[in-house]
Amino acid sequence: RYNNGLIPQGPSSDLMNDRFDISREDLDAFSERSHLRAAAATAAGRFASQMVPLTEDPDDLSSAPVTTDEGIRQHPDREKMASLRSAFSEG
């Protein structure tokens, strides 16, 4: 059913959620904690040594550098998270 017997990451996570009875609410709670912890670690400078500043415009070195992970939600909203469509499964 999958090429070379390997299951892509998305469907694999859905299978594991079903197998171990992990609910959407559990996943949203985990995600919220993860974002809060990442935001706190960023604020404390824990990732600073792992970040390579990049300029917004490589041709304009005077443009503001991007120095933090912009994917971390500083204030995650569980209600908004719950309203999002599931990334891989229909449920």
PDB file of N, CA and C in Angstrom:
ATOM      1  N   ARG A   1       0.810  -1.192   0.000  1.00  0.00           N
ATOM      2  CA  ARG A   1       0.000   0.000   0.000  1.00  0.00           C
ATOM      3  C   ARG A   1       0.854   1.256   0.000  1.00  0.00           C
ATOM      4  N   TYR A   2       2.051   1.194   0.567  1.00  0.00           N
ATOM      5  CA  TYR A   2       2.971   2.327   0.550  1.00  0.00           C
ATOM      6  C   TYR A   2       4.244   1.910  -0.175  1.00  0.00           C
ATOM      7  N   ASN A   3       4.865   2.846  -0.881  1.00  0.00           N
ATOM      8  CA  ASN A   3       6.093   2.558  -1.615  1.00  0.00           C
ATOM      9  C   ASN A   3       7.155   1.978  -0.693  1.00  0.00           C
ATOM     10  N   ASN A   4       7.770   0.903  -1.115  1.00  0.00           N
ATOM     11  CA  ASN A   4       8.862   0.272  -0.376  1.00  0.00           C
ATOM     12  C   ASN A   4       8.484  -0.091   1.055  1.00  0.00           C
ATOM     13  N   GLY A   5       7.205  -0.212   1.357  1.00  0.00           N
ATOM     14  CA  GLY A   5       6.778  -0.571   2.698  1.00  0.00           C
ATOM     15  C   GLY A   5       6.913   0.541   3.716  1.00  0.00           C
ATOM     16  N   LEU A   6       7.367   1.722   3.284  1.00  0.00           N
ATOM     17  CA  LEU A   6       7.526   2.837   4.211  1.00  0.00           C
ATOM     18  C   LEU A   6       6.254   3.675   4.235  1.00  0.00           C
ATOM     19  N   ILE A   7       5.818   4.031   5.426  1.00  0.00           N
ATOM     20  CA  ILE A   7       4.615   4.837   5.577  1.00  0.00           C
ATOM     21  C   ILE A   7       5.032   6.292   5.760  1.00  0.00           C
ATOM     22  N   PRO A   8       4.493   7.208   4.958  1.00  0.00           N
ATOM     23  CA  PRO A   8       4.831   8.624   5.128  1.00  0.00           C
ATOM     24  C   PRO A   8       4.513   9.107   6.552  1.00  0.00           C
ATOM     25  N   GLN A   9       5.187  10.138   6.986  1.00  0.00           N
ATOM     26  CA  GLN A   9       5.094  10.613   8.361  1.00  0.00           C
ATOM     27  C   GLN A   9       3.666  10.979   8.783  1.00  0.00           C
ATOM     28  N   GLY A  10       2.928  11.680   7.944  1.00  0.00           N
ATOM     29  CA  GLY A  10       1.569  12.091   8.308  1.00  0.00           C
ATOM     30  C   GLY A  10       0.648  10.914   8.567  1.00  0.00           C
ATOM     31  N   PRO A  11       0.472  10.024   7.581  1.00  0.00           N
ATOM     32  CA  PRO A  11      -0.372   8.852   7.822  1.00  0.00           C
ATOM     33  C   PRO A  11       0.149   7.984   8.969  1.00  0.00           C
ATOM     34  N   SER A  12       1.462   7.937   9.137  1.00  0.00           N
ATOM     35  CA  SER A  12       2.037   7.164  10.239  1.00  0.00           C
ATOM     36  C   SER A  12       1.591   7.731  11.584  1.00  0.00           C
ATOM     37  N   SER A  13       1.586   9.057  11.702  1.00  0.00           N
ATOM     38  CA  SER A  13       1.158   9.661  12.970  1.00  0.00           C
ATOM     39  C   SER A  13      -0.317   9.369  13.228  1.00  0.00           C
ATOM     40  N   ASP A  14      -1.137   9.379  12.184  1.00  0.00           N
ATOM     41  CA  ASP A  14      -2.551   9.050  12.355  1.00  0.00           C
ATOM     42  C   ASP A  14      -2.719   7.611  12.830  1.00  0.00           C
ATOM     43  N   LEU A  15      -1.941   6.692  12.259  1.00  0.00           N
ATOM     44  CA  LEU A  15      -2.011   5.292  12.677  1.00  0.00           C
ATOM     45  C   LEU A  15      -1.605   5.134  14.141  1.00  0.00           C
ATOM     46  N   MET A  16      -0.561   5.839  14.556  1.00  0.00           N
ATOM     47  CA  MET A  16      -0.104   5.752  15.946  1.00  0.00           C
ATOM     48  C   MET A  16      -1.134   6.371  16.895  1.00  0.00           C
ATOM     49  N   ASN A  17      -1.745   7.467  16.485  1.00  0.00           N
ATOM     50  CA  ASN A  17      -2.780   8.080  17.323  1.00  0.00           C
ATOM     51  C   ASN A  17      -3.935   7.111  17.540  1.00  0.00           C
ATOM     52  N   ASP A  18      -4.335   6.421  16.477  1.00  0.00           N
ATOM     53  CA  ASP A  18      -5.409   5.434  16.589  1.00  0.00           C
ATOM     54  C   ASP A  18      -4.978   4.262  17.466  1.00  0.00           C
ATOM     55  N   ARG A  19      -3.793   3.757  17.224  1.00  0.00           N
ATOM     56  CA  ARG A  19      -3.307   2.575  17.954  1.00  0.00           C
ATOM     57  C   ARG A  19      -3.202   2.839  19.455  1.00  0.00           C
ATOM     58  N   PHE A  20      -2.730   4.016  19.829  1.00  0.00           N
ATOM     59  CA  PHE A  20      -2.509   4.322  21.239  1.00  0.00           C
ATOM     60  C   PHE A  20      -3.595   5.229  21.826  1.00  0.00           C
ATOM     61  N   ASP A  21      -4.699   5.372  21.091  1.00  0.00           N
ATOM     62  CA  ASP A  21      -5.865   6.123  21.549  1.00  0.00           C
ATOM     63  C   ASP A  21      -5.498   7.536  22.009  1.00  0.00           C
ATOM     64  N   ILE A  22      -4.782   8.254  21.151  1.00  0.00           N
ATOM     65  CA  ILE A  22      -4.399   9.639  21.429  1.00  0.00           C
ATOM     66  C   ILE A  22      -5.422  10.541  20.742  1.00  0.00           C
ATOM     67  N   SER A  23      -6.119  11.332  21.529  1.00  0.00           N
ATOM     68  CA  SER A  23      -7.198  12.163  20.985  1.00  0.00           C
ATOM     69  C   SER A  23      -6.673  13.473  20.408  1.00  0.00           C
ATOM     70  N   ARG A  24      -7.505  14.115  19.636  1.00  0.00           N
ATOM     71  CA  ARG A  24      -7.171  15.428  19.089  1.00  0.00           C
ATOM     72  C   ARG A  24      -6.939  16.418  20.228  1.00  0.00           C
ATOM     73  N   GLU A  25      -7.753  16.316  21.274  1.00  0.00           N
ATOM     74  CA  GLU A  25      -7.589  17.201  22.432  1.00  0.00           C
ATOM     75  C   GLU A  25      -6.226  16.987  23.089  1.00  0.00           C
ATOM     76  N   ASP A  26      -5.805  15.720  23.198  1.00  0.00           N
ATOM     77  CA  ASP A  26      -4.476  15.414  23.755  1.00  0.00           C
ATOM     78  C   ASP A  26      -3.382  16.041  22.893  1.00  0.00           C
ATOM     79  N   LEU A  27      -3.531  15.922  21.580  1.00  0.00           N
ATOM     80  CA  LEU A  27      -2.531  16.469  20.663  1.00  0.00           C
ATOM     81  C   LEU A  27      -2.482  17.992  20.737  1.00  0.00           C
ATOM     82  N   ASP A  28      -3.646  18.629  20.828  1.00  0.00           N
ATOM     83  CA  ASP A  28      -3.681  20.089  20.946  1.00  0.00           C
ATOM     84  C   ASP A  28      -3.040  20.543  22.259  1.00  0.00           C
ATOM     85  N   ALA A  29      -3.296  19.808  23.347  1.00  0.00           N
ATOM     86  CA  ALA A  29      -2.695  20.155  24.644  1.00  0.00           C
ATOM     87  C   ALA A  29      -1.177  20.013  24.581  1.00  0.00           C
ATOM     88  N   PHE A  30      -0.705  18.947  23.942  1.00  0.00           N
ATOM     89  CA  PHE A  30       0.740  18.740  23.792  1.00  0.00           C
ATOM     90  C   PHE A  30       1.351  19.870  22.970  1.00  0.00           C
ATOM     91  N   SER A  31       0.675  20.229  21.881  1.00  0.00           N
ATOM     92  CA  SER A  31       1.165  21.301  21.014  1.00  0.00           C
ATOM     93  C   SER A  31       1.218  22.628  21.765  1.00  0.00           C
ATOM     94  N   GLU A  32       0.177  22.913  22.532  1.00  0.00           N
ATOM     95  CA  GLU A  32       0.167  24.160  23.305  1.00  0.00           C
ATOM     96  C   GLU A  32       1.349  24.199  24.279  1.00  0.00           C
ATOM     97  N   ARG A  33       1.557  23.103  25.026  1.00  0.00           N
ATOM     98  CA  ARG A  33       2.693  23.050  25.963  1.00  0.00           C
ATOM     99  C   ARG A  33       4.013  23.209  25.235  1.00  0.00           C
ATOM    100  N   SER A  34       4.127  22.581  24.078  1.00  0.00           N
ATOM    101  CA  SER A  34       5.362  22.653  23.299  1.00  0.00           C
ATOM    102  C   SER A  34       5.666  24.089  22.879  1.00  0.00           C
ATOM    103  N   HIS A  35       4.651  24.795  22.381  1.00  0.00           N
ATOM    104  CA  HIS A  35       4.848  26.191  21.969  1.00  0.00           C
ATOM    105  C   HIS A  35       5.187  27.074  23.166  1.00  0.00           C
ATOM    106  N   LEU A  36       4.511  26.872  24.302  1.00  0.00           N
ATOM    107  CA  LEU A  36       4.798  27.672  25.495  1.00  0.00           C
ATOM    108  C   LEU A  36       6.222  27.429  25.990  1.00  0.00           C
ATOM    109  N   ARG A  37       6.645  26.171  25.984  1.00  0.00           N
ATOM    110  CA  ARG A  37       8.010  25.852  26.418  1.00  0.00           C
ATOM    111  C   ARG A  37       9.040  26.427  25.452  1.00  0.00           C
ATOM    112  N   ALA A  38       8.763  26.329  24.156  1.00  0.00           N
ATOM    113  CA  ALA A  38       9.693  26.881  23.162  1.00  0.00           C
ATOM    114  C   ALA A  38       9.771  28.401  23.277  1.00  0.00           C
ATOM    115  N   ALA A  39       8.636  29.042  23.533  1.00  0.00           N
ATOM    116  CA  ALA A  39       8.630  30.502  23.693  1.00  0.00           C
ATOM    117  C   ALA A  39       9.440  30.905  24.922  1.00  0.00           C
ATOM    118  N   ALA A  40       9.279  30.171  26.019  1.00  0.00           N
ATOM    119  CA  ALA A  40      10.034  30.474  27.243  1.00  0.00           C
ATOM    120  C   ALA A  40      11.528  30.248  27.025  1.00  0.00           C
ATOM    121  N   ALA A  41      11.876  29.170  26.347  1.00  0.00           N
ATOM    122  CA  ALA A  41      13.289  28.879  26.076  1.00  0.00           C
ATOM    123  C   ALA A  41      13.892  29.941  25.163  1.00  0.00           C
ATOM    124  N   THR A  42      13.126  30.402  24.188  1.00  0.00           N
ATOM    125  CA  THR A  42      13.605  31.461  23.294  1.00  0.00           C
ATOM    126  C   THR A  42      13.833  32.747  24.081  1.00  0.00           C
ATOM    127  N   ALA A  43      12.869  33.103  24.932  1.00  0.00           N
ATOM    128  CA  ALA A  43      12.989  34.328  25.735  1.00  0.00           C
ATOM    129  C   ALA A  43      14.194  34.261  26.674  1.00  0.00           C
ATOM    130  N   ALA A  44      14.527  33.049  27.128  1.00  0.00           N
ATOM    131  CA  ALA A  44      15.667  32.869  28.033  1.00  0.00           C
ATOM    132  C   ALA A  44      16.990  32.753  27.283  1.00  0.00           C
ATOM    133  N   GLY A  45      16.930  32.809  25.944  1.00  0.00           N
ATOM    134  CA  GLY A  45      18.153  32.737  25.142  1.00  0.00           C
ATOM    135  C   GLY A  45      18.713  31.340  24.971  1.00  0.00           C
ATOM    136  N   ARG A  46      17.905  30.321  25.254  1.00  0.00           N
ATOM    137  CA  ARG A  46      18.380  28.938  25.192  1.00  0.00           C
ATOM    138  C   ARG A  46      18.727  28.479  23.776  1.00  0.00           C
ATOM    139  N   PHE A  47      18.139  29.096  22.754  1.00  0.00           N
ATOM    140  CA  PHE A  47      18.397  28.693  21.373  1.00  0.00           C
ATOM    141  C   PHE A  47      19.375  29.620  20.659  1.00  0.00           C
ATOM    142  N   ALA A  48      19.811  30.663  21.316  1.00  0.00           N
ATOM    143  CA  ALA A  48      20.629  31.697  20.667  1.00  0.00           C
ATOM    144  C   ALA A  48      21.861  31.124  19.980  1.00  0.00           C
ATOM    145  N   SER A  49      22.516  30.169  20.600  1.00  0.00           N
ATOM    146  CA  SER A  49      23.744  29.615  20.016  1.00  0.00           C
ATOM    147  C   SER A  49      23.461  28.730  18.807  1.00  0.00           C
ATOM    148  N   GLN A  50      22.196  28.372  18.608  1.00  0.00           N
ATOM    149  CA  GLN A  50      21.831  27.494  17.496  1.00  0.00           C
ATOM    150  C   GLN A  50      21.233  28.253  16.315  1.00  0.00           C
ATOM    151  N   MET A  51      21.062  29.554  16.472  1.00  0.00           N
ATOM    152  CA  MET A  51      20.444  30.356  15.424  1.00  0.00           C
ATOM    153  C   MET A  51      21.498  31.066  14.584  1.00  0.00           C
ATOM    154  N   VAL A  52      21.291  31.062  13.289  1.00  0.00           N
ATOM    155  CA  VAL A  52      22.158  31.789  12.363  1.00  0.00           C
ATOM    156  C   VAL A  52      21.326  32.946  11.811  1.00  0.00           C
ATOM    157  N   PRO A  53      21.669  34.183  12.160  1.00  0.00           N
ATOM    158  CA  PRO A  53      20.880  35.324  11.677  1.00  0.00           C
ATOM    159  C   PRO A  53      20.899  35.406  10.149  1.00  0.00           C
ATOM    160  N   LEU A  54      19.748  35.618   9.578  1.00  0.00           N
ATOM    161  CA  LEU A  54      19.602  35.795   8.134  1.00  0.00           C
ATOM    162  C   LEU A  54      18.965  37.147   7.880  1.00  0.00           C
ATOM    163  N   THR A  55      19.364  37.785   6.807  1.00  0.00           N
ATOM    164  CA  THR A  55      18.724  39.055   6.462  1.00  0.00           C
ATOM    165  C   THR A  55      17.488  38.776   5.628  1.00  0.00           C
ATOM    166  N   GLU A  56      16.495  39.628   5.764  1.00  0.00           N
ATOM    167  CA  GLU A  56      15.255  39.460   5.016  1.00  0.00           C
ATOM    168  C   GLU A  56      15.502  39.530   3.521  1.00  0.00           C
ATOM    169  N   ASP A  57      16.422  40.388   3.126  1.00  0.00           N
ATOM    170  CA  ASP A  57      16.756  40.568   1.715  1.00  0.00           C
ATOM    171  C   ASP A  57      18.251  40.326   1.551  1.00  0.00           C
ATOM    172  N   PRO A  58      18.649  39.183   0.983  1.00  0.00           N
ATOM    173  CA  PRO A  58      20.072  38.868   0.859  1.00  0.00           C
ATOM    174  C   PRO A  58      20.865  39.897   0.055  1.00  0.00           C
ATOM    175  N   ASP A  59      20.177  40.663  -0.796  1.00  0.00           N
ATOM    176  CA  ASP A  59      20.861  41.684  -1.594  1.00  0.00           C
ATOM    177  C   ASP A  59      20.996  43.010  -0.849  1.00  0.00           C
ATOM    178  N   ASP A  60      20.318  43.125   0.293  1.00  0.00           N
ATOM    179  CA  ASP A  60      20.383  44.355   1.090  1.00  0.00           C
ATOM    180  C   ASP A  60      20.802  43.983   2.506  1.00  0.00           C
ATOM    181  N   LEU A  61      22.106  44.011   2.755  1.00  0.00           N
ATOM    182  CA  LEU A  61      22.627  43.582   4.047  1.00  0.00           C
ATOM    183  C   LEU A  61      22.235  44.510   5.190  1.00  0.00           C
ATOM    184  N   SER A  62      21.650  45.659   4.874  1.00  0.00           N
ATOM    185  CA  SER A  62      21.200  46.555   5.939  1.00  0.00           C
ATOM    186  C   SER A  62      19.775  46.227   6.391  1.00  0.00           C
ATOM    187  N   SER A  63      19.119  45.270   5.707  1.00  0.00           N
ATOM    188  CA  SER A  63      17.759  44.909   6.115  1.00  0.00           C
ATOM    189  C   SER A  63      17.803  44.193   7.469  1.00  0.00           C
ATOM    190  N   ALA A  64      16.692  44.227   8.168  1.00  0.00           N
ATOM    191  CA  ALA A  64      16.632  43.662   9.522  1.00  0.00           C
ATOM    192  C   ALA A  64      16.906  42.160   9.500  1.00  0.00           C
ATOM    193  N   PRO A  65      17.799  41.703  10.370  1.00  0.00           N
ATOM    194  CA  PRO A  65      18.079  40.267  10.399  1.00  0.00           C
ATOM    195  C   PRO A  65      16.965  39.492  11.107  1.00  0.00           C
ATOM    196  N   VAL A  66      16.725  38.283  10.641  1.00  0.00           N
ATOM    197  CA  VAL A  66      15.803  37.368  11.302  1.00  0.00           C
ATOM    198  C   VAL A  66      16.661  36.538  12.244  1.00  0.00           C
ATOM    199  N   THR A  67      16.395  36.636  13.538  1.00  0.00           N
ATOM    200  CA  THR A  67      17.266  35.985  14.525  1.00  0.00           C
ATOM    201  C   THR A  67      16.553  34.968  15.402  1.00  0.00           C
ATOM    202  N   THR A  68      15.243  34.797  15.211  1.00  0.00           N
ATOM    203  CA  THR A  68      14.505  33.828  16.021  1.00  0.00           C
ATOM    204  C   THR A  68      13.646  32.948  15.127  1.00  0.00           C
ATOM    205  N   ASP A  69      13.218  31.843  15.682  1.00  0.00           N
ATOM    206  CA  ASP A  69      12.320  30.934  14.985  1.00  0.00           C
ATOM    207  C   ASP A  69      10.936  31.574  14.958  1.00  0.00           C
ATOM    208  N   GLU A  70      10.468  31.924  13.784  1.00  0.00           N
ATOM    209  CA  GLU A  70       9.179  32.605  13.667  1.00  0.00           C
ATOM    210  C   GLU A  70       7.995  31.643  13.706  1.00  0.00           C
ATOM    211  N   GLY A  71       8.261  30.341  13.785  1.00  0.00           N
ATOM    212  CA  GLY A  71       7.186  29.356  13.832  1.00  0.00           C
ATOM    213  C   GLY A  71       6.644  29.098  15.224  1.00  0.00           C
ATOM    214  N   ILE A  72       7.314  29.636  16.238  1.00  0.00           N
ATOM    215  CA  ILE A  72       6.863  29.437  17.616  1.00  0.00           C
ATOM    216  C   ILE A  72       5.731  30.412  17.909  1.00  0.00           C
ATOM    217  N   ARG A  73       4.620  29.879  18.367  1.00  0.00           N
ATOM    218  CA  ARG A  73       3.494  30.737  18.760  1.00  0.00           C
ATOM    219  C   ARG A  73       3.731  31.169  20.204  1.00  0.00           C
ATOM    220  N   GLN A  74       3.910  32.462  20.406  1.00  0.00           N
ATOM    221  CA  GLN A  74       4.179  32.981  21.750  1.00  0.00           C
ATOM    222  C   GLN A  74       2.982  32.797  22.680  1.00  0.00           C
ATOM    223  N   HIS A  75       1.794  32.904  22.125  1.00  0.00           N
ATOM    224  CA  HIS A  75       0.566  32.790  22.917  1.00  0.00           C
ATOM    225  C   HIS A  75      -0.399  31.861  22.173  1.00  0.00           C
ATOM    226  N   PRO A  76      -0.160  30.550  22.215  1.00  0.00           N
ATOM    227  CA  PRO A  76      -1.034  29.638  21.477  1.00  0.00           C
ATOM    228  C   PRO A  76      -2.466  29.693  22.017  1.00  0.00           C
ATOM    229  N   ASP A  77      -3.423  29.542  21.130  1.00  0.00           N
ATOM    230  CA  ASP A  77      -4.836  29.624  21.485  1.00  0.00           C
ATOM    231  C   ASP A  77      -5.474  28.258  21.236  1.00  0.00           C
ATOM    232  N   ARG A  78      -5.807  27.554  22.325  1.00  0.00           N
ATOM    233  CA  ARG A  78      -6.360  26.205  22.193  1.00  0.00           C
ATOM    234  C   ARG A  78      -7.658  26.193  21.390  1.00  0.00           C
ATOM    235  N   GLU A  79      -8.469  27.217  21.531  1.00  0.00           N
ATOM    236  CA  GLU A  79      -9.728  27.277  20.791  1.00  0.00           C
ATOM    237  C   GLU A  79      -9.462  27.360  19.288  1.00  0.00           C
ATOM    238  N   LYS A  80      -8.499  28.187  18.899  1.00  0.00           N
ATOM    239  CA  LYS A  80      -8.141  28.288  17.480  1.00  0.00           C
ATOM    240  C   LYS A  80      -7.534  26.980  16.994  1.00  0.00           C
ATOM    241  N   MET A  81      -6.690  26.367  17.836  1.00  0.00           N
ATOM    242  CA  MET A  81      -6.073  25.096  17.449  1.00  0.00           C
ATOM    243  C   MET A  81      -7.150  24.041  17.186  1.00  0.00           C
ATOM    244  N   ALA A  82      -8.151  23.988  18.064  1.00  0.00           N
ATOM    245  CA  ALA A  82      -9.223  23.000  17.932  1.00  0.00           C
ATOM    246  C   ALA A  82     -10.046  23.229  16.671  1.00  0.00           C
ATOM    247  N   SER A  83     -10.081  24.472  16.183  1.00  0.00           N
ATOM    248  CA  SER A  83     -10.881  24.775  14.994  1.00  0.00           C
ATOM    249  C   SER A  83     -10.158  24.434  13.689  1.00  0.00           C
ATOM    250  N   LEU A  84      -8.860  24.170  13.769  1.00  0.00           N
ATOM    251  CA  LEU A  84      -8.095  23.856  12.560  1.00  0.00           C
ATOM    252  C   LEU A  84      -8.439  22.468  12.037  1.00  0.00           C
ATOM    253  N   ARG A  85      -8.436  22.337  10.733  1.00  0.00           N
ATOM    254  CA  ARG A  85      -8.643  21.044  10.096  1.00  0.00           C
ATOM    255  C   ARG A  85      -7.478  20.130  10.428  1.00  0.00           C
ATOM    256  N   SER A  86      -7.740  18.859  10.571  1.00  0.00           N
ATOM    257  CA  SER A  86      -6.675  17.886  10.789  1.00  0.00           C
ATOM    258  C   SER A  86      -5.768  17.866   9.560  1.00  0.00           C
ATOM    259  N   ALA A  87      -4.478  17.798   9.785  1.00  0.00           N
ATOM    260  CA  ALA A  87      -3.522  17.882   8.675  1.00  0.00           C
ATOM    261  C   ALA A  87      -3.583  16.673   7.748  1.00  0.00           C
ATOM    262  N   PHE A  88      -3.861  15.492   8.284  1.00  0.00           N
ATOM    263  CA  PHE A  88      -3.779  14.295   7.448  1.00  0.00           C
ATOM    264  C   PHE A  88      -5.065  13.485   7.418  1.00  0.00           C
ATOM    265  N   SER A  89      -5.692  13.274   8.558  1.00  0.00           N
ATOM    266  CA  SER A  89      -6.904  12.454   8.577  1.00  0.00           C
ATOM    267  C   SER A  89      -8.137  13.339   8.476  1.00  0.00           C
ATOM    268  N   GLU A  90      -9.259  12.706   8.335  1.00  0.00           N
ATOM    269  CA  GLU A  90     -10.515  13.443   8.214  1.00  0.00           C
ATOM    270  C   GLU A  90     -11.097  13.801   9.578  1.00  0.00           C
ATOM    271  N   GLY A  91     -10.559  13.210  10.654  1.00  0.00           N
ATOM    272  CA  GLY A  91     -11.174  13.392  11.973  1.00  0.00           C
ATOM    273  C   GLY A  91     -10.622  14.472  12.807  1.00  0.00           C
TER     274      GLY A  91
END
